[in-house]
mmCIF file of all heavy atoms, coordinates in Angstrom:
data_MODEL
# 
_entry.id   MODEL 
# 
loop_
_atom_site.group_PDB 
_atom_site.id 
_atom_site.type_symbol 
_atom_site.label_atom_id 
_atom_site.label_alt_id 
_atom_site.label_comp_id 
_atom_site.label_asym_id 
_atom_site.label_entity_id 
_atom_site.label_seq_id 
_atom_site.pdbx_PDB_ins_code 
_atom_site.Cartn_x 
_atom_site.Cartn_y 
_atom_site.Cartn_z 
_atom_site.occupancy 
_atom_site.B_iso_or_equiv 
_atom_site.pdbx_formal_charge 
_atom_site.auth_seq_id 
_atom_site.auth_comp_id 
_atom_site.auth_asym_id 
_atom_site.auth_atom_id 
_atom_site.pdbx_PDB_model_num 
ATOM 1   N N   . PRO A 1 1  ? -2.210  108.499 -108.818 1.00 0.00 ? 1  PRO A N   1 
ATOM 2   C CA  . PRO A 1 1  ? -3.215  108.950 -109.786 1.00 0.00 ? 1  PRO A CA  1 
ATOM 3   C C   . PRO A 1 1  ? -4.106  107.784 -110.221 1.00 0.00 ? 1  PRO A C   1 
ATOM 4   O O   . PRO A 1 1  ? -3.671  106.644 -110.261 1.00 0.00 ? 1  PRO A O   1 
ATOM 5   C CB  . PRO A 1 1  ? -2.391  109.483 -110.951 1.00 0.00 ? 1  PRO A CB  1 
ATOM 6   C CG  . PRO A 1 1  ? -1.041  108.875 -110.794 1.00 0.00 ? 1  PRO A CG  1 
ATOM 7   C CD  . PRO A 1 1  ? -0.866  108.545 -109.345 1.00 0.00 ? 1  PRO A CD  1 
ATOM 8   N N   . THR A 1 2  ? -5.362  108.094 -110.504 1.00 0.00 ? 2  THR A N   1 
ATOM 9   C CA  . THR A 1 2  ? -6.294  107.101 -111.005 1.00 0.00 ? 2  THR A CA  1 
ATOM 10  C C   . THR A 1 2  ? -6.487  107.369 -112.484 1.00 0.00 ? 2  THR A C   1 
ATOM 11  O O   . THR A 1 2  ? -7.046  108.406 -112.847 1.00 0.00 ? 2  THR A O   1 
ATOM 12  C CB  . THR A 1 2  ? -7.648  107.203 -110.268 1.00 0.00 ? 2  THR A CB  1 
ATOM 13  O OG1 . THR A 1 2  ? -7.407  107.087 -108.872 1.00 0.00 ? 2  THR A OG1 1 
ATOM 14  C CG2 . THR A 1 2  ? -8.601  106.117 -110.723 1.00 0.00 ? 2  THR A CG2 1 
ATOM 15  N N   . PRO A 1 3  ? -5.990  106.477 -113.337 1.00 0.00 ? 3  PRO A N   1 
ATOM 16  C CA  . PRO A 1 3  ? -6.078  106.709 -114.789 1.00 0.00 ? 3  PRO A CA  1 
ATOM 17  C C   . PRO A 1 3  ? -7.503  106.973 -115.248 1.00 0.00 ? 3  PRO A C   1 
ATOM 18  O O   . PRO A 1 3  ? -8.437  106.270 -114.868 1.00 0.00 ? 3  PRO A O   1 
ATOM 19  C CB  . PRO A 1 3  ? -5.542  105.398 -115.378 1.00 0.00 ? 3  PRO A CB  1 
ATOM 20  C CG  . PRO A 1 3  ? -4.725  104.782 -114.297 1.00 0.00 ? 3  PRO A CG  1 
ATOM 21  C CD  . PRO A 1 3  ? -5.372  105.204 -113.009 1.00 0.00 ? 3  PRO A CD  1 
ATOM 22  N N   . GLY A 1 4  ? -7.694  108.023 -116.016 1.00 0.00 ? 4  GLY A N   1 
ATOM 23  C CA  . GLY A 1 4  ? -8.983  108.367 -116.582 1.00 0.00 ? 4  GLY A CA  1 
ATOM 24  C C   . GLY A 1 4  ? -9.964  109.018 -115.618 1.00 0.00 ? 4  GLY A C   1 
ATOM 25  O O   . GLY A 1 4  ? -11.069 109.338 -116.005 1.00 0.00 ? 4  GLY A O   1 
ATOM 26  N N   . ILE A 1 5  ? -9.567  109.212 -114.385 1.00 0.00 ? 5  ILE A N   1 
ATOM 27  C CA  . ILE A 1 5  ? -10.487 109.787 -113.394 1.00 0.00 ? 5  ILE A CA  1 
ATOM 28  C C   . ILE A 1 5  ? -10.204 111.254 -113.147 1.00 0.00 ? 5  ILE A C   1 
ATOM 29  O O   . ILE A 1 5  ? -11.099 112.078 -113.119 1.00 0.00 ? 5  ILE A O   1 
ATOM 30  C CB  . ILE A 1 5  ? -10.430 109.002 -112.056 1.00 0.00 ? 5  ILE A CB  1 
ATOM 31  C CG1 . ILE A 1 5  ? -10.867 107.563 -112.260 1.00 0.00 ? 5  ILE A CG1 1 
ATOM 32  C CG2 . ILE A 1 5  ? -11.282 109.675 -110.993 1.00 0.00 ? 5  ILE A CG2 1 
ATOM 33  C CD1 . ILE A 1 5  ? -12.315 107.388 -112.665 1.00 0.00 ? 5  ILE A CD1 1 
ATOM 34  N N   . GLY A 1 6  ? -8.983  111.623 -112.884 1.00 0.00 ? 6  GLY A N   1 
ATOM 35  C CA  . GLY A 1 6  ? -8.674  113.017 -112.618 1.00 0.00 ? 6  GLY A CA  1 
ATOM 36  C C   . GLY A 1 6  ? -7.739  113.166 -111.438 1.00 0.00 ? 6  GLY A C   1 
ATOM 37  O O   . GLY A 1 6  ? -7.035  112.231 -111.065 1.00 0.00 ? 6  GLY A O   1 
ATOM 38  N N   . THR A 1 7  ? -7.752  114.339 -110.845 1.00 0.00 ? 7  THR A N   1 
ATOM 39  C CA  . THR A 1 7  ? -6.820  114.679 -109.780 1.00 0.00 ? 7  THR A CA  1 
ATOM 40  C C   . THR A 1 7  ? -7.546  114.770 -108.444 1.00 0.00 ? 7  THR A C   1 
ATOM 41  O O   . THR A 1 7  ? -8.611  115.374 -108.349 1.00 0.00 ? 7  THR A O   1 
ATOM 42  C CB  . THR A 1 7  ? -6.160  116.046 -110.090 1.00 0.00 ? 7  THR A CB  1 
ATOM 43  O OG1 . THR A 1 7  ? -5.545  115.967 -111.368 1.00 0.00 ? 7  THR A OG1 1 
ATOM 44  C CG2 . THR A 1 7  ? -5.134  116.399 -109.044 1.00 0.00 ? 7  THR A CG2 1 
ATOM 45  N N   . LEU A 1 8  ? -6.962  114.194 -107.433 1.00 0.00 ? 8  LEU A N   1 
ATOM 46  C CA  . LEU A 1 8  ? -7.483  114.248 -106.072 1.00 0.00 ? 8  LEU A CA  1 
ATOM 47  C C   . LEU A 1 8  ? -6.788  115.380 -105.333 1.00 0.00 ? 8  LEU A C   1 
ATOM 48  O O   . LEU A 1 8  ? -5.573  115.528 -105.430 1.00 0.00 ? 8  LEU A O   1 
ATOM 49  C CB  . LEU A 1 8  ? -7.209  112.911 -105.362 1.00 0.00 ? 8  LEU A CB  1 
ATOM 50  C CG  . LEU A 1 8  ? -7.572  112.820 -103.893 1.00 0.00 ? 8  LEU A CG  1 
ATOM 51  C CD1 . LEU A 1 8  ? -9.086  112.694 -103.753 1.00 0.00 ? 8  LEU A CD1 1 
ATOM 52  C CD2 . LEU A 1 8  ? -6.888  111.632 -103.256 1.00 0.00 ? 8  LEU A CD2 1 
ATOM 53  N N   . SER A 1 9  ? -7.546  116.187 -104.600 1.00 0.00 ? 9  SER A N   1 
ATOM 54  C CA  . SER A 1 9  ? -6.925  117.227 -103.781 1.00 0.00 ? 9  SER A CA  1 
ATOM 55  C C   . SER A 1 9  ? -7.610  117.258 -102.424 1.00 0.00 ? 9  SER A C   1 
ATOM 56  O O   . SER A 1 9  ? -8.809  117.021 -102.316 1.00 0.00 ? 9  SER A O   1 
ATOM 57  C CB  . SER A 1 9  ? -7.001  118.597 -104.457 1.00 0.00 ? 9  SER A CB  1 
ATOM 58  O OG  . SER A 1 9  ? -8.335  118.991 -104.651 1.00 0.00 ? 9  SER A OG  1 
ATOM 59  N N   . VAL A 1 10 ? -6.840  117.531 -101.402 1.00 0.00 ? 10 VAL A N   1 
ATOM 60  C CA  . VAL A 1 10 ? -7.321  117.596 -100.025 1.00 0.00 ? 10 VAL A CA  1 
ATOM 61  C C   . VAL A 1 10 ? -6.977  118.963 -99.478  1.00 0.00 ? 10 VAL A C   1 
ATOM 62  O O   . VAL A 1 10 ? -5.882  119.472 -99.707  1.00 0.00 ? 10 VAL A O   1 
ATOM 63  C CB  . VAL A 1 10 ? -6.660  116.493 -99.164  1.00 0.00 ? 10 VAL A CB  1 
ATOM 64  C CG1 . VAL A 1 10 ? -7.118  116.580 -97.726  1.00 0.00 ? 10 VAL A CG1 1 
ATOM 65  C CG2 . VAL A 1 10 ? -6.939  115.109 -99.745  1.00 0.00 ? 10 VAL A CG2 1 
ATOM 66  N N   . GLY A 1 11 ? -7.900  119.585 -98.748  1.00 0.00 ? 11 GLY A N   1 
ATOM 67  C CA  . GLY A 1 11 ? -7.634  120.917 -98.228  1.00 0.00 ? 11 GLY A CA  1 
ATOM 68  C C   . GLY A 1 11 ? -8.322  121.157 -96.902  1.00 0.00 ? 11 GLY A C   1 
ATOM 69  O O   . GLY A 1 11 ? -8.996  120.281 -96.359  1.00 0.00 ? 11 GLY A O   1 
ATOM 70  N N   . ASP A 1 12 ? -8.177  122.358 -96.392  1.00 0.00 ? 12 ASP A N   1 
ATOM 71  C CA  . ASP A 1 12 ? -8.750  122.732 -95.101  1.00 0.00 ? 12 ASP A CA  1 
ATOM 72  C C   . ASP A 1 12 ? -10.198 123.188 -95.197  1.00 0.00 ? 12 ASP A C   1 
ATOM 73  O O   . ASP A 1 12 ? -10.926 123.160 -94.229  1.00 0.00 ? 12 ASP A O   1 
ATOM 74  C CB  . ASP A 1 12 ? -7.925  123.846 -94.459  1.00 0.00 ? 12 ASP A CB  1 
ATOM 75  C CG  . ASP A 1 12 ? -6.587  123.352 -93.967  1.00 0.00 ? 12 ASP A CG  1 
ATOM 76  O OD1 . ASP A 1 12 ? -6.460  122.155 -93.667  1.00 0.00 ? 12 ASP A OD1 1 
ATOM 77  O OD2 . ASP A 1 12 ? -5.661  124.179 -93.882  1.00 0.00 ? 12 ASP A OD2 1 
ATOM 78  N N   . GLY A 1 13 ? -10.616 123.651 -96.314  1.00 0.00 ? 13 GLY A N   1 
ATOM 79  C CA  . GLY A 1 13 ? -11.982 124.136 -96.480  1.00 0.00 ? 13 GLY A CA  1 
ATOM 80  C C   . GLY A 1 13 ? -12.161 124.659 -97.883  1.00 0.00 ? 13 GLY A C   1 
ATOM 81  O O   . GLY A 1 13 ? -11.220 125.177 -98.490  1.00 0.00 ? 13 GLY A O   1 
ATOM 82  N N   . ASP A 1 14 ? -13.353 124.512 -98.427  1.00 0.00 ? 14 ASP A N   1 
ATOM 83  C CA  . ASP A 1 14 ? -13.619 124.914 -99.790  1.00 0.00 ? 14 ASP A CA  1 
ATOM 84  C C   . ASP A 1 14 ? -15.095 125.293 -99.889  1.00 0.00 ? 14 ASP A C   1 
ATOM 85  O O   . ASP A 1 14 ? -15.956 124.433 -100.044 1.00 0.00 ? 14 ASP A O   1 
ATOM 86  C CB  . ASP A 1 14 ? -13.268 123.758 -100.726 1.00 0.00 ? 14 ASP A CB  1 
ATOM 87  C CG  . ASP A 1 14 ? -13.374 124.101 -102.199 1.00 0.00 ? 14 ASP A CG  1 
ATOM 88  O OD1 . ASP A 1 14 ? -14.187 124.978 -102.560 1.00 0.00 ? 14 ASP A OD1 1 
ATOM 89  O OD2 . ASP A 1 14 ? -12.647 123.464 -102.993 1.00 0.00 ? 14 ASP A OD2 1 
ATOM 90  N N   . GLU A 1 15 ? -15.382 126.575 -99.744  1.00 0.00 ? 15 GLU A N   1 
ATOM 91  C CA  . GLU A 1 15 ? -16.765 127.057 -99.747  1.00 0.00 ? 15 GLU A CA  1 
ATOM 92  C C   . GLU A 1 15 ? -17.468 126.710 -101.049 1.00 0.00 ? 15 GLU A C   1 
ATOM 93  O O   . GLU A 1 15 ? -18.636 126.314 -101.053 1.00 0.00 ? 15 GLU A O   1 
ATOM 94  C CB  . GLU A 1 15 ? -16.789 128.569 -99.512  1.00 0.00 ? 15 GLU A CB  1 
ATOM 95  C CG  . GLU A 1 15 ? -18.183 129.115 -99.290  1.00 0.00 ? 15 GLU A CG  1 
ATOM 96  C CD  . GLU A 1 15 ? -18.174 130.582 -98.911  1.00 0.00 ? 15 GLU A CD  1 
ATOM 97  O OE1 . GLU A 1 15 ? -17.245 131.028 -98.227  1.00 0.00 ? 15 GLU A OE1 1 
ATOM 98  O OE2 . GLU A 1 15 ? -19.134 131.276 -99.319  1.00 0.00 ? 15 GLU A OE2 1 
ATOM 99  N N   . GLU A 1 16 ? -16.776 126.837 -102.158 1.00 0.00 ? 16 GLU A N   1 
ATOM 100 C CA  . GLU A 1 16 ? -17.360 126.511 -103.457 1.00 0.00 ? 16 GLU A CA  1 
ATOM 101 C C   . GLU A 1 16 ? -17.727 125.023 -103.532 1.00 0.00 ? 16 GLU A C   1 
ATOM 102 O O   . GLU A 1 16 ? -18.803 124.654 -103.995 1.00 0.00 ? 16 GLU A O   1 
ATOM 103 C CB  . GLU A 1 16 ? -16.379 126.864 -104.572 1.00 0.00 ? 16 GLU A CB  1 
ATOM 104 C CG  . GLU A 1 16 ? -16.919 126.650 -105.964 1.00 0.00 ? 16 GLU A CG  1 
ATOM 105 C CD  . GLU A 1 16 ? -15.922 127.039 -107.031 1.00 0.00 ? 16 GLU A CD  1 
ATOM 106 O OE1 . GLU A 1 16 ? -15.186 128.040 -106.854 1.00 0.00 ? 16 GLU A OE1 1 
ATOM 107 O OE2 . GLU A 1 16 ? -15.878 126.333 -108.049 1.00 0.00 ? 16 GLU A OE2 1 
ATOM 108 N N   . LEU A 1 17 ? -16.837 124.160 -103.042 1.00 0.00 ? 17 LEU A N   1 
ATOM 109 C CA  . LEU A 1 17 ? -17.117 122.726 -103.021 1.00 0.00 ? 17 LEU A CA  1 
ATOM 110 C C   . LEU A 1 17 ? -18.300 122.431 -102.104 1.00 0.00 ? 17 LEU A C   1 
ATOM 111 O O   . LEU A 1 17 ? -19.184 121.643 -102.459 1.00 0.00 ? 17 LEU A O   1 
ATOM 112 C CB  . LEU A 1 17 ? -15.886 121.938 -102.578 1.00 0.00 ? 17 LEU A CB  1 
ATOM 113 C CG  . LEU A 1 17 ? -16.065 120.425 -102.456 1.00 0.00 ? 17 LEU A CG  1 
ATOM 114 C CD1 . LEU A 1 17 ? -16.438 119.806 -103.801 1.00 0.00 ? 17 LEU A CD1 1 
ATOM 115 C CD2 . LEU A 1 17 ? -14.800 119.786 -101.897 1.00 0.00 ? 17 LEU A CD2 1 
ATOM 116 N N   . ASP A 1 18 ? -18.346 123.052 -100.929 1.00 0.00 ? 18 ASP A N   1 
ATOM 117 C CA  . ASP A 1 18 ? -19.462 122.843 -100.008 1.00 0.00 ? 18 ASP A CA  1 
ATOM 118 C C   . ASP A 1 18 ? -20.794 123.190 -100.667 1.00 0.00 ? 18 ASP A C   1 
ATOM 119 O O   . ASP A 1 18 ? -21.778 122.448 -100.545 1.00 0.00 ? 18 ASP A O   1 
ATOM 120 C CB  . ASP A 1 18 ? -19.292 123.671 -98.738  1.00 0.00 ? 18 ASP A CB  1 
ATOM 121 C CG  . ASP A 1 18 ? -18.211 123.144 -97.816  1.00 0.00 ? 18 ASP A CG  1 
ATOM 122 O OD1 . ASP A 1 18 ? -17.783 121.982 -97.984  1.00 0.00 ? 18 ASP A OD1 1 
ATOM 123 O OD2 . ASP A 1 18 ? -17.796 123.901 -96.920  1.00 0.00 ? 18 ASP A OD2 1 
ATOM 124 N N   . LYS A 1 19 ? -20.850 124.315 -101.365 1.00 0.00 ? 19 LYS A N   1 
ATOM 125 C CA  . LYS A 1 19 ? -22.079 124.736 -102.038 1.00 0.00 ? 19 LYS A CA  1 
ATOM 126 C C   . LYS A 1 19 ? -22.473 123.740 -103.118 1.00 0.00 ? 19 LYS A C   1 
ATOM 127 O O   . LYS A 1 19 ? -23.645 123.387 -103.271 1.00 0.00 ? 19 LYS A O   1 
ATOM 128 C CB  . LYS A 1 19 ? -21.915 126.135 -102.634 1.00 0.00 ? 19 LYS A CB  1 
ATOM 129 C CG  . LYS A 1 19 ? -21.936 127.234 -101.611 1.00 0.00 ? 19 LYS A CG  1 
ATOM 130 C CD  . LYS A 1 19 ? -21.775 128.586 -102.264 1.00 0.00 ? 19 LYS A CD  1 
ATOM 131 C CE  . LYS A 1 19 ? -21.720 129.684 -101.219 1.00 0.00 ? 19 LYS A CE  1 
ATOM 132 N NZ  . LYS A 1 19 ? -21.489 131.006 -101.824 1.00 0.00 ? 19 LYS A NZ  1 
ATOM 133 N N   . ARG A 1 20 ? -21.484 123.277 -103.878 1.00 0.00 ? 20 ARG A N   1 
ATOM 134 C CA  . ARG A 1 20 ? -21.762 122.321 -104.952 1.00 0.00 ? 20 ARG A CA  1 
ATOM 135 C C   . ARG A 1 20 ? -22.266 120.999 -104.383 1.00 0.00 ? 20 ARG A C   1 
ATOM 136 O O   . ARG A 1 20 ? -23.239 120.420 -104.878 1.00 0.00 ? 20 ARG A O   1 
ATOM 137 C CB  . ARG A 1 20 ? -20.501 122.106 -105.784 1.00 0.00 ? 20 ARG A CB  1 
ATOM 138 C CG  . ARG A 1 20 ? -20.591 121.038 -106.852 1.00 0.00 ? 20 ARG A CG  1 
ATOM 139 C CD  . ARG A 1 20 ? -21.454 121.492 -108.043 1.00 0.00 ? 20 ARG A CD  1 
ATOM 140 N NE  . ARG A 1 20 ? -21.634 120.431 -109.008 1.00 0.00 ? 20 ARG A NE  1 
ATOM 141 C CZ  . ARG A 1 20 ? -20.834 120.210 -110.048 1.00 0.00 ? 20 ARG A CZ  1 
ATOM 142 N NH1 . ARG A 1 20 ? -19.790 120.987 -110.260 1.00 0.00 ? 20 ARG A NH1 1 
ATOM 143 N NH2 . ARG A 1 20 ? -21.077 119.222 -110.873 1.00 0.00 ? 20 ARG A NH2 1 
ATOM 144 N N   . LEU A 1 21 ? -21.605 120.494 -103.338 1.00 0.00 ? 21 LEU A N   1 
ATOM 145 C CA  . LEU A 1 21 ? -22.034 119.236 -102.727 1.00 0.00 ? 21 LEU A CA  1 
ATOM 146 C C   . LEU A 1 21 ? -23.441 119.350 -102.169 1.00 0.00 ? 21 LEU A C   1 
ATOM 147 O O   . LEU A 1 21 ? -24.265 118.441 -102.328 1.00 0.00 ? 21 LEU A O   1 
ATOM 148 C CB  . LEU A 1 21 ? -21.061 118.812 -101.625 1.00 0.00 ? 21 LEU A CB  1 
ATOM 149 C CG  . LEU A 1 21 ? -19.654 118.447 -102.076 1.00 0.00 ? 21 LEU A CG  1 
ATOM 150 C CD1 . LEU A 1 21 ? -18.778 118.152 -100.869 1.00 0.00 ? 21 LEU A CD1 1 
ATOM 151 C CD2 . LEU A 1 21 ? -19.647 117.296 -103.051 1.00 0.00 ? 21 LEU A CD2 1 
ATOM 152 N N   . ASP A 1 22 ? -23.745 120.464 -101.516 1.00 0.00 ? 22 ASP A N   1 
ATOM 153 C CA  . ASP A 1 22 ? -25.086 120.684 -100.978 1.00 0.00 ? 22 ASP A CA  1 
ATOM 154 C C   . ASP A 1 22 ? -26.118 120.660 -102.102 1.00 0.00 ? 22 ASP A C   1 
ATOM 155 O O   . ASP A 1 22 ? -27.151 119.998 -101.988 1.00 0.00 ? 22 ASP A O   1 
ATOM 156 C CB  . ASP A 1 22 ? -25.134 122.007 -100.215 1.00 0.00 ? 22 ASP A CB  1 
ATOM 157 C CG  . ASP A 1 22 ? -26.495 122.250 -99.582  1.00 0.00 ? 22 ASP A CG  1 
ATOM 158 O OD1 . ASP A 1 22 ? -26.958 121.380 -98.819  1.00 0.00 ? 22 ASP A OD1 1 
ATOM 159 O OD2 . ASP A 1 22 ? -27.083 123.310 -99.860  1.00 0.00 ? 22 ASP A OD2 1 
ATOM 160 N N   . ALA A 1 23 ? -25.835 121.359 -103.191 1.00 0.00 ? 23 ALA A N   1 
ATOM 161 C CA  . ALA A 1 23 ? -26.766 121.404 -104.323 1.00 0.00 ? 23 ALA A CA  1 
ATOM 162 C C   . ALA A 1 23 ? -26.938 120.018 -104.944 1.00 0.00 ? 23 ALA A C   1 
ATOM 163 O O   . ALA A 1 23 ? -28.067 119.598 -105.244 1.00 0.00 ? 23 ALA A O   1 
ATOM 164 C CB  . ALA A 1 23 ? -26.276 122.398 -105.374 1.00 0.00 ? 23 ALA A CB  1 
ATOM 165 N N   . GLU A 1 24 ? -25.850 119.303 -105.130 1.00 0.00 ? 24 GLU A N   1 
ATOM 166 C CA  . GLU A 1 24 ? -25.922 117.971 -105.746 1.00 0.00 ? 24 GLU A CA  1 
ATOM 167 C C   . GLU A 1 24 ? -26.669 116.978 -104.865 1.00 0.00 ? 24 GLU A C   1 
ATOM 168 O O   . GLU A 1 24 ? -27.505 116.210 -105.340 1.00 0.00 ? 24 GLU A O   1 
ATOM 169 C CB  . GLU A 1 24 ? -24.515 117.449 -106.058 1.00 0.00 ? 24 GLU A CB  1 
ATOM 170 C CG  . GLU A 1 24 ? -23.754 118.267 -107.089 1.00 0.00 ? 24 GLU A CG  1 
ATOM 171 C CD  . GLU A 1 24 ? -24.303 118.167 -108.510 1.00 0.00 ? 24 GLU A CD  1 
ATOM 172 O OE1 . GLU A 1 24 ? -25.166 117.310 -108.784 1.00 0.00 ? 24 GLU A OE1 1 
ATOM 173 O OE2 . GLU A 1 24 ? -23.855 118.958 -109.358 1.00 0.00 ? 24 GLU A OE2 1 
ATOM 174 N N   . LEU A 1 25 ? -26.366 116.971 -103.555 1.00 0.00 ? 25 LEU A N   1 
ATOM 175 C CA  . LEU A 1 25 ? -27.041 116.038 -102.651 1.00 0.00 ? 25 LEU A CA  1 
ATOM 176 C C   . LEU A 1 25 ? -28.514 116.383 -102.475 1.00 0.00 ? 25 LEU A C   1 
ATOM 177 O O   . LEU A 1 25 ? -29.365 115.492 -102.402 1.00 0.00 ? 25 LEU A O   1 
ATOM 178 C CB  . LEU A 1 25 ? -26.332 115.995 -101.297 1.00 0.00 ? 25 LEU A CB  1 
ATOM 179 C CG  . LEU A 1 25 ? -25.001 115.257 -101.319 1.00 0.00 ? 25 LEU A CG  1 
ATOM 180 C CD1 . LEU A 1 25 ? -24.251 115.478 -100.007 1.00 0.00 ? 25 LEU A CD1 1 
ATOM 181 C CD2 . LEU A 1 25 ? -25.188 113.780 -101.592 1.00 0.00 ? 25 LEU A CD2 1 
ATOM 182 N N   . THR A 1 26 ? -28.828 117.665 -102.437 1.00 0.00 ? 26 THR A N   1 
ATOM 183 C CA  . THR A 1 26 ? -30.218 118.084 -102.336 1.00 0.00 ? 26 THR A CA  1 
ATOM 184 C C   . THR A 1 26 ? -30.987 117.635 -103.578 1.00 0.00 ? 26 THR A C   1 
ATOM 185 O O   . THR A 1 26 ? -32.092 117.101 -103.472 1.00 0.00 ? 26 THR A O   1 
ATOM 186 C CB  . THR A 1 26 ? -30.320 119.607 -102.145 1.00 0.00 ? 26 THR A CB  1 
ATOM 187 O OG1 . THR A 1 26 ? -29.680 119.943 -100.903 1.00 0.00 ? 26 THR A OG1 1 
ATOM 188 C CG2 . THR A 1 26 ? -31.761 120.089 -102.126 1.00 0.00 ? 26 THR A CG2 1 
# 
């Protein structure tokens, strides 16, 4: 864990995350 940062998670795919990353990077 990284104190004060939050939780890291790894997965096979995350459509919601993909949409958010696209919006943020755009």
